[in-house]
Amino acid sequence: MTDIGLFEAAYQELNAQIQSVQSKDAAKAGNPGHPILAERNMIGIQRSLQRASAAEITVLERNMSWLATTGSVTPFVGLLGTVLGIIGAFEGLGIEKTASIQAVAPGIAEALVATAAGLFAAIPAVIAYNQFLNRIKNIAAEMDDFSAELLNLFERSFS
């Protein structure tokens, strides 16, 4: 959809620029042939392409902050669970008044489960974030290339 959105924006601006030039030419009683666009007309088309490209990128990046937040926060949530589990292990040690594995094992197990849960959420989120970010960068580069090629075509056709 990105190239189509860019093309539509450029085409609408091209038509607006052509109508503007033709109305000025008609007022000067004049040029019934092919419209000629000046540099400022091409700059207007270029600006419309930049606006459309920025809008498309904004749509693509809309939910990326959720992945970034998940990838960066969930390890800390797991760490919090680890700390709470270790605290529970020490409490169990204090209640038993002996240093036995039965006193600390439940708290340590709880701590390891919390750590694993945090990593289980963070690792896929970071991988997905990096994959999507790479795709968005590639799409942005393709849109820049498309915009440059379309502007070149317009300049060859209307200059």
Protein backbone atom coordinates (compact mmCIF):
# COMPACT_ATOMS: atom_id res chain seq x y z
CA MET A 1 0.00 0.00 0.00
CA THR A 2 2.88 2.36 0.58
CA ASP A 3 3.81 2.90 -3.07
CA ILE A 4 0.14 3.30 -3.96
CA GLY A 5 -0.32 5.87 -1.20
CA LEU A 6 2.76 7.75 -2.36
CA PHE A 7 1.64 7.64 -5.98
CA GLU A 8 -1.84 8.91 -5.12
CA ALA A 9 -0.41 11.82 -3.12
CA ALA A 10 2.02 12.74 -5.90
CA TYR A 11 -0.60 12.36 -8.62
CA GLN A 12 -3.09 14.57 -6.79
CA GLU A 13 -0.41 17.23 -6.26
CA LEU A 14 0.70 16.93 -9.90
CA ASN A 15 -2.88 17.53 -11.04
CA ALA A 16 -3.18 20.52 -8.72
CA GLN A 17 0.10 21.97 -10.04
CA ILE A 18 -0.95 21.39 -13.67
CA GLN A 19 -4.34 23.04 -13.07
CA SER A 20 -2.59 25.98 -11.45
CA VAL A 21 -0.21 26.37 -14.40
CA GLN A 22 -3.01 25.94 -16.97
CA SER A 23 -5.22 28.54 -15.30
CA LYS A 24 -2.30 31.01 -15.32
CA ASP A 25 -1.55 30.17 -18.97
CA ALA A 26 -5.21 30.61 -19.88
CA ALA A 27 -5.20 33.99 -18.21
CA LYS A 28 -2.18 34.92 -20.37
CA ALA A 29 -4.05 33.67 -23.46
CA GLY A 30 -1.90 31.09 -24.28
CA ASN A 31 -0.40 27.73 -24.25
CA PRO A 32 -2.87 25.09 -25.52
CA GLY A 33 -0.17 22.37 -25.51
CA HIS A 34 1.57 20.33 -22.90
CA PRO A 35 1.89 22.10 -19.51
CA ILE A 36 5.39 23.01 -18.33
CA LEU A 37 6.03 22.84 -14.59
CA ALA A 38 8.60 25.08 -12.94
CA GLU A 39 11.03 24.10 -10.19
CA ARG A 40 8.63 25.38 -7.52
CA ASN A 41 5.91 23.09 -8.87
CA MET A 42 8.23 20.09 -8.56
CA ILE A 43 9.13 21.13 -5.02
CA GLY A 44 5.42 21.07 -4.16
CA ILE A 45 5.15 17.53 -5.51
CA GLN A 46 8.27 16.55 -3.57
CA ARG A 47 6.75 17.92 -0.36
CA SER A 48 3.55 15.94 -0.92
CA LEU A 49 5.65 12.79 -1.39
CA GLN A 50 7.52 13.50 1.85
CA ARG A 51 4.26 14.03 3.75
CA ALA A 52 2.77 10.81 2.37
CA SER A 53 5.95 8.88 3.19
CA ALA A 54 6.00 10.21 6.75
CA ALA A 55 2.33 9.26 7.17
CA GLU A 56 2.99 5.73 5.92
CA ILE A 57 5.98 5.29 8.25
CA THR A 58 3.92 6.57 11.18
CA VAL A 59 1.27 3.93 10.47
CA LEU A 60 3.92 1.20 10.26
CA GLU A 61 5.57 2.27 13.53
CA ARG A 62 2.28 2.69 15.40
CA ASN A 63 2.56 -0.35 17.71
CA MET A 64 6.32 -0.70 17.83
CA SER A 65 6.48 1.01 21.22
CA TRP A 66 4.54 -1.90 22.75
CA LEU A 67 7.14 -4.38 21.55
CA ALA A 68 9.99 -2.15 22.73
CA THR A 69 8.37 -1.70 26.13
CA THR A 70 7.69 -5.42 26.49
CA GLY A 71 11.25 -6.29 25.52
CA SER A 72 12.79 -3.84 27.94
CA VAL A 73 10.46 -4.08 30.95
CA THR A 74 9.72 -7.80 31.27
CA PRO A 75 13.26 -8.76 32.34
CA PHE A 76 12.87 -6.32 35.22
CA VAL A 77 9.53 -7.88 36.13
CA GLY A 78 11.29 -11.25 36.16
CA LEU A 79 14.06 -9.79 38.30
CA LEU A 80 11.47 -8.45 40.73
CA GLY A 81 9.97 -11.93 40.96
CA THR A 82 13.46 -13.34 41.53
CA VAL A 83 14.13 -10.93 44.37
CA LEU A 84 10.76 -11.69 45.96
CA GLY A 85 11.44 -15.43 45.61
CA ILE A 86 14.84 -15.12 47.28
CA ILE A 87 13.26 -13.08 50.08
CA GLY A 88 10.74 -15.90 50.51
CA ALA A 89 13.59 -18.41 50.61
CA PHE A 90 15.31 -16.49 53.38
CA GLU A 91 12.03 -16.20 55.28
CA GLY A 92 11.65 -19.98 55.00
CA LEU A 93 15.18 -20.34 56.31
CA GLY A 94 14.35 -18.11 59.28
CA ILE A 95 11.19 -20.01 60.13
CA GLU A 96 12.88 -23.43 59.99
CA LYS A 97 15.89 -22.19 61.97
CA THR A 98 18.02 -24.70 60.10
CA ALA A 99 19.94 -24.42 56.88
CA SER A 100 18.24 -27.17 54.90
CA ILE A 101 17.25 -27.47 51.26
CA GLN A 102 13.61 -27.93 52.31
CA ALA A 103 13.64 -24.45 53.80
CA VAL A 104 15.00 -22.61 50.76
CA ALA A 105 13.90 -24.76 47.80
CA PRO A 106 10.34 -23.39 47.42
CA GLY A 107 11.55 -19.76 47.38
CA ILE A 108 14.34 -20.48 44.93
CA ALA A 109 11.95 -22.38 42.65
CA GLU A 110 9.57 -19.43 42.73
CA ALA A 111 12.44 -17.09 41.89
CA LEU A 112 13.52 -19.21 38.91
CA VAL A 113 9.96 -19.39 37.57
CA ALA A 114 9.67 -15.58 37.73
CA THR A 115 13.00 -15.17 35.95
CA ALA A 116 12.00 -17.63 33.24
CA ALA A 117 8.63 -15.91 32.75
CA GLY A 118 10.30 -12.52 32.31
CA LEU A 119 12.76 -13.90 29.76
CA PHE A 120 10.02 -15.89 28.02
CA ALA A 121 8.18 -12.62 27.34
CA ALA A 122 11.23 -10.43 26.62
CA ILE A 123 13.16 -12.56 24.15
CA PRO A 124 10.39 -12.95 21.52
CA ALA A 125 9.43 -9.28 21.93
CA VAL A 126 12.99 -8.11 21.24
CA ILE A 127 13.33 -10.45 18.26
CA ALA A 128 10.00 -9.28 16.82
CA TYR A 129 10.89 -5.62 17.44
CA ASN A 130 14.19 -5.98 15.58
CA GLN A 131 12.56 -7.84 12.69
CA PHE A 132 9.78 -5.26 12.30
CA LEU A 133 12.19 -2.36 12.65
CA ASN A 134 14.36 -3.81 9.89
CA ARG A 135 11.33 -4.25 7.64
CA ILE A 136 10.20 -0.67 8.30
CA LYS A 137 13.67 0.64 7.41
CA ASN A 138 13.60 -1.34 4.16
CA ILE A 139 10.13 -0.05 3.32
CA ALA A 140 11.25 3.52 4.05
CA ALA A 141 14.23 3.08 1.70
CA GLU A 142 11.94 1.67 -1.00
CA MET A 143 9.58 4.63 -0.58
CA ASP A 144 12.50 7.05 -0.93
CA ASP A 145 13.61 5.28 -4.11
CA PHE A 146 10.08 5.28 -5.48
CA SER A 147 9.67 8.98 -4.71
CA ALA A 148 12.95 9.85 -6.43
CA GLU A 149 12.06 7.82 -9.52
CA LEU A 150 8.57 9.35 -9.69
CA LEU A 151 9.96 12.88 -9.36
CA ASN A 152 12.47 12.14 -12.13
CA LEU A 153 9.66 10.91 -14.36
CA PHE A 154 7.57 14.01 -13.65
CA GLU A 155 10.53 16.29 -14.35
CA ARG A 156 11.24 14.57 -17.67
CA SER A 157 7.57 14.71 -18.64
CA PHE A 158 6.67 18.23 -17.52
CA SER A 159 9.85 20.31 -17.81
